[in-house]
């Protein structure tokens, strides 16, 4: 799957990609957070680039979105 995007800083880009994948899958933030086992607030912080998320959490997000971990980092 390919997404076109304008050049923005790396942190914002990674956060944006995570949210785009979630929205593409038709998931609300609360649904993905529940599936992954994290709070919706924490997911929001990951998606907005305020927090990077641990490898464990990012792996669970990638699994839930059916993408490779490298797609989210």
N, C-alpha and C. Protein backbone atom coordinates (compact mmCIF):
# COMPACT_ATOMS: atom_id res chain seq x y z
N UNK A 1 0.85 -1.16 0.00
CA UNK A 1 0.00 0.00 0.00
C UNK A 1 0.90 1.23 0.00
N UNK A 2 0.61 2.18 -0.86
CA UNK A 2 1.41 3.40 -0.95
C UNK A 2 0.52 4.61 -0.67
N UNK A 3 1.09 5.55 0.07
CA UNK A 3 0.41 6.80 0.35
C UNK A 3 1.29 7.94 -0.13
N UNK A 4 0.69 8.91 -0.75
CA UNK A 4 1.43 10.10 -1.16
C UNK A 4 1.30 11.13 -0.05
N UNK A 5 2.40 11.79 0.24
CA UNK A 5 2.39 12.81 1.28
C UNK A 5 3.45 13.85 0.98
N UNK A 6 3.25 15.03 1.51
CA UNK A 6 4.24 16.09 1.37
C UNK A 6 5.36 15.86 2.36
N UNK A 7 6.50 16.47 2.09
CA UNK A 7 7.64 16.36 2.99
C UNK A 7 7.35 17.11 4.28
N UNK A 8 7.41 16.40 5.39
CA UNK A 8 7.31 17.00 6.72
C UNK A 8 8.35 16.35 7.59
N UNK A 9 8.59 16.88 8.78
CA UNK A 9 9.66 16.33 9.61
C UNK A 9 9.38 14.87 9.95
N UNK A 10 10.45 14.14 10.26
CA UNK A 10 10.37 12.69 10.46
C UNK A 10 9.40 12.25 11.53
N UNK A 11 9.40 12.92 12.68
CA UNK A 11 8.51 12.52 13.77
C UNK A 11 7.06 12.70 13.35
N UNK A 12 6.74 13.83 12.77
CA UNK A 12 5.37 14.08 12.33
C UNK A 12 4.96 13.11 11.24
N UNK A 13 5.88 12.81 10.34
CA UNK A 13 5.58 11.87 9.27
C UNK A 13 5.26 10.49 9.81
N UNK A 14 6.08 9.98 10.73
CA UNK A 14 5.82 8.66 11.31
C UNK A 14 4.49 8.64 12.04
N UNK A 15 4.19 9.70 12.79
CA UNK A 15 2.93 9.77 13.50
C UNK A 15 1.77 9.81 12.51
N UNK A 16 1.90 10.59 11.46
CA UNK A 16 0.86 10.71 10.44
C UNK A 16 0.59 9.36 9.78
N UNK A 17 1.65 8.65 9.46
CA UNK A 17 1.50 7.35 8.80
C UNK A 17 0.72 6.39 9.69
N UNK A 18 1.00 6.39 10.98
CA UNK A 18 0.26 5.51 11.90
C UNK A 18 -1.23 5.82 11.87
N UNK A 19 -1.57 7.10 11.91
CA UNK A 19 -2.98 7.48 11.89
C UNK A 19 -3.63 7.17 10.55
N UNK A 20 -2.90 7.38 9.46
CA UNK A 20 -3.44 7.09 8.13
C UNK A 20 -3.75 5.60 8.00
N UNK A 21 -2.85 4.73 8.45
CA UNK A 21 -3.11 3.30 8.41
C UNK A 21 -4.35 2.95 9.22
N UNK A 22 -4.48 3.54 10.41
CA UNK A 22 -5.63 3.25 11.26
C UNK A 22 -6.92 3.67 10.57
N UNK A 23 -6.92 4.87 10.04
CA UNK A 23 -8.13 5.36 9.37
C UNK A 23 -8.43 4.57 8.10
N UNK A 24 -7.38 4.17 7.38
CA UNK A 24 -7.56 3.36 6.18
C UNK A 24 -8.24 2.04 6.52
N UNK A 25 -7.91 1.48 7.67
CA UNK A 25 -8.51 0.21 8.11
C UNK A 25 -9.91 0.42 8.67
N UNK A 26 -10.35 1.67 8.77
CA UNK A 26 -11.69 1.96 9.27
C UNK A 26 -11.82 1.82 10.77
N UNK A 27 -10.71 1.97 11.48
CA UNK A 27 -10.73 1.82 12.94
C UNK A 27 -10.76 3.18 13.61
N UNK A 28 -11.52 3.28 14.66
CA UNK A 28 -11.47 4.46 15.51
C UNK A 28 -10.32 4.27 16.49
N UNK A 29 -9.83 5.38 17.01
CA UNK A 29 -8.69 5.31 17.93
C UNK A 29 -9.00 4.41 19.12
N UNK A 30 -10.20 4.52 19.67
CA UNK A 30 -10.56 3.70 20.82
C UNK A 30 -10.58 2.21 20.50
N UNK A 31 -11.00 1.87 19.29
CA UNK A 31 -11.03 0.47 18.87
C UNK A 31 -9.62 -0.10 18.75
N UNK A 32 -8.74 0.66 18.11
CA UNK A 32 -7.36 0.20 17.96
C UNK A 32 -6.68 0.11 19.32
N UNK A 33 -6.88 1.11 20.15
CA UNK A 33 -6.27 1.11 21.48
C UNK A 33 -6.71 -0.12 22.28
N UNK A 34 -8.01 -0.43 22.23
CA UNK A 34 -8.51 -1.60 22.95
C UNK A 34 -7.91 -2.89 22.41
N UNK A 35 -7.81 -2.98 21.09
CA UNK A 35 -7.23 -4.18 20.46
C UNK A 35 -5.77 -4.35 20.88
N UNK A 36 -5.05 -3.26 20.95
CA UNK A 36 -3.62 -3.28 21.26
C UNK A 36 -3.39 -3.43 22.76
N UNK A 37 -4.37 -3.00 23.57
CA UNK A 37 -4.23 -3.09 25.02
C UNK A 37 -3.58 -1.87 25.64
N UNK A 38 -3.82 -0.70 25.03
CA UNK A 38 -3.30 0.55 25.56
C UNK A 38 -4.46 1.54 25.67
N UNK A 39 -4.22 2.64 26.36
CA UNK A 39 -5.28 3.64 26.48
C UNK A 39 -5.40 4.43 25.18
N UNK A 40 -6.57 4.98 24.96
CA UNK A 40 -6.78 5.81 23.77
C UNK A 40 -5.88 7.05 23.84
N UNK A 41 -5.67 7.56 25.04
CA UNK A 41 -4.79 8.72 25.20
C UNK A 41 -3.36 8.42 24.79
N UNK A 42 -2.87 7.24 25.18
CA UNK A 42 -1.51 6.85 24.81
C UNK A 42 -1.40 6.68 23.30
N UNK A 43 -2.40 6.06 22.68
CA UNK A 43 -2.40 5.92 21.23
C UNK A 43 -2.38 7.29 20.56
N UNK A 44 -3.17 8.19 21.08
CA UNK A 44 -3.20 9.55 20.53
C UNK A 44 -1.83 10.21 20.62
N UNK A 45 -1.14 10.02 21.74
CA UNK A 45 0.21 10.59 21.89
C UNK A 45 1.19 9.97 20.90
N UNK A 46 1.04 8.69 20.62
CA UNK A 46 1.89 8.04 19.62
C UNK A 46 1.58 8.59 18.23
N UNK A 47 0.29 8.71 17.92
CA UNK A 47 -0.10 9.18 16.59
C UNK A 47 0.29 10.63 16.34
N UNK A 48 0.32 11.43 17.38
CA UNK A 48 0.68 12.84 17.20
C UNK A 48 2.17 13.09 17.37
N UNK A 49 2.93 12.05 17.69
CA UNK A 49 4.38 12.20 17.81
C UNK A 49 4.84 12.70 19.16
N UNK A 50 3.93 12.82 20.13
CA UNK A 50 4.32 13.26 21.47
C UNK A 50 5.08 12.16 22.20
N UNK A 51 4.76 10.92 21.88
CA UNK A 51 5.48 9.76 22.43
C UNK A 51 5.82 8.85 21.27
N UNK A 52 6.92 8.12 21.40
CA UNK A 52 7.34 7.24 20.31
C UNK A 52 6.72 5.86 20.42
N UNK A 53 6.38 5.44 21.60
CA UNK A 53 5.83 4.09 21.78
C UNK A 53 6.94 3.07 21.86
N UNK A 54 6.79 2.11 22.73
CA UNK A 54 7.80 1.07 22.88
C UNK A 54 7.76 0.12 21.68
N UNK A 55 8.81 -0.63 21.51
CA UNK A 55 8.85 -1.62 20.43
C UNK A 55 7.70 -2.61 20.58
N UNK A 56 7.41 -2.99 21.80
CA UNK A 56 6.33 -3.95 22.05
C UNK A 56 4.98 -3.38 21.59
N UNK A 57 4.72 -2.13 21.96
CA UNK A 57 3.44 -1.49 21.59
C UNK A 57 3.37 -1.28 20.09
N UNK A 58 4.44 -0.80 19.48
CA UNK A 58 4.44 -0.59 18.04
C UNK A 58 4.24 -1.90 17.28
N UNK A 59 4.80 -2.97 17.80
CA UNK A 59 4.62 -4.29 17.18
C UNK A 59 3.15 -4.71 17.25
N UNK A 60 2.51 -4.46 18.38
CA UNK A 60 1.09 -4.80 18.52
C UNK A 60 0.22 -3.93 17.62
N UNK A 61 0.59 -2.65 17.48
CA UNK A 61 -0.14 -1.77 16.57
C UNK A 61 0.01 -2.27 15.13
N UNK A 62 1.23 -2.61 14.73
CA UNK A 62 1.47 -3.11 13.38
C UNK A 62 0.66 -4.38 13.13
N UNK A 63 0.65 -5.28 14.10
CA UNK A 63 -0.13 -6.52 13.96
C UNK A 63 -1.62 -6.22 13.80
N UNK A 64 -2.13 -5.30 14.61
CA UNK A 64 -3.55 -4.97 14.56
C UNK A 64 -3.93 -4.31 13.24
N UNK A 65 -2.99 -3.55 12.66
CA UNK A 65 -3.25 -2.88 11.39
C UNK A 65 -2.87 -3.73 10.18
N UNK A 66 -2.31 -4.91 10.45
CA UNK A 66 -1.88 -5.82 9.38
C UNK A 66 -0.87 -5.17 8.45
N UNK A 67 0.13 -4.53 9.07
CA UNK A 67 1.24 -3.93 8.32
C UNK A 67 2.55 -4.37 8.97
N UNK A 68 3.63 -4.15 8.28
CA UNK A 68 4.94 -4.46 8.83
C UNK A 68 5.33 -3.39 9.84
N UNK A 69 6.08 -3.78 10.86
CA UNK A 69 6.56 -2.81 11.84
C UNK A 69 7.34 -1.70 11.16
N UNK A 70 8.10 -2.03 10.15
CA UNK A 70 8.90 -1.02 9.46
C UNK A 70 8.03 0.02 8.76
N UNK A 71 6.77 -0.31 8.48
CA UNK A 71 5.86 0.67 7.90
C UNK A 71 5.48 1.77 8.87
N UNK A 72 5.61 1.50 10.17
CA UNK A 72 5.22 2.46 11.19
C UNK A 72 6.38 3.24 11.77
N UNK A 73 7.59 2.85 11.44
CA UNK A 73 8.76 3.51 12.06
C UNK A 73 9.57 4.26 11.04
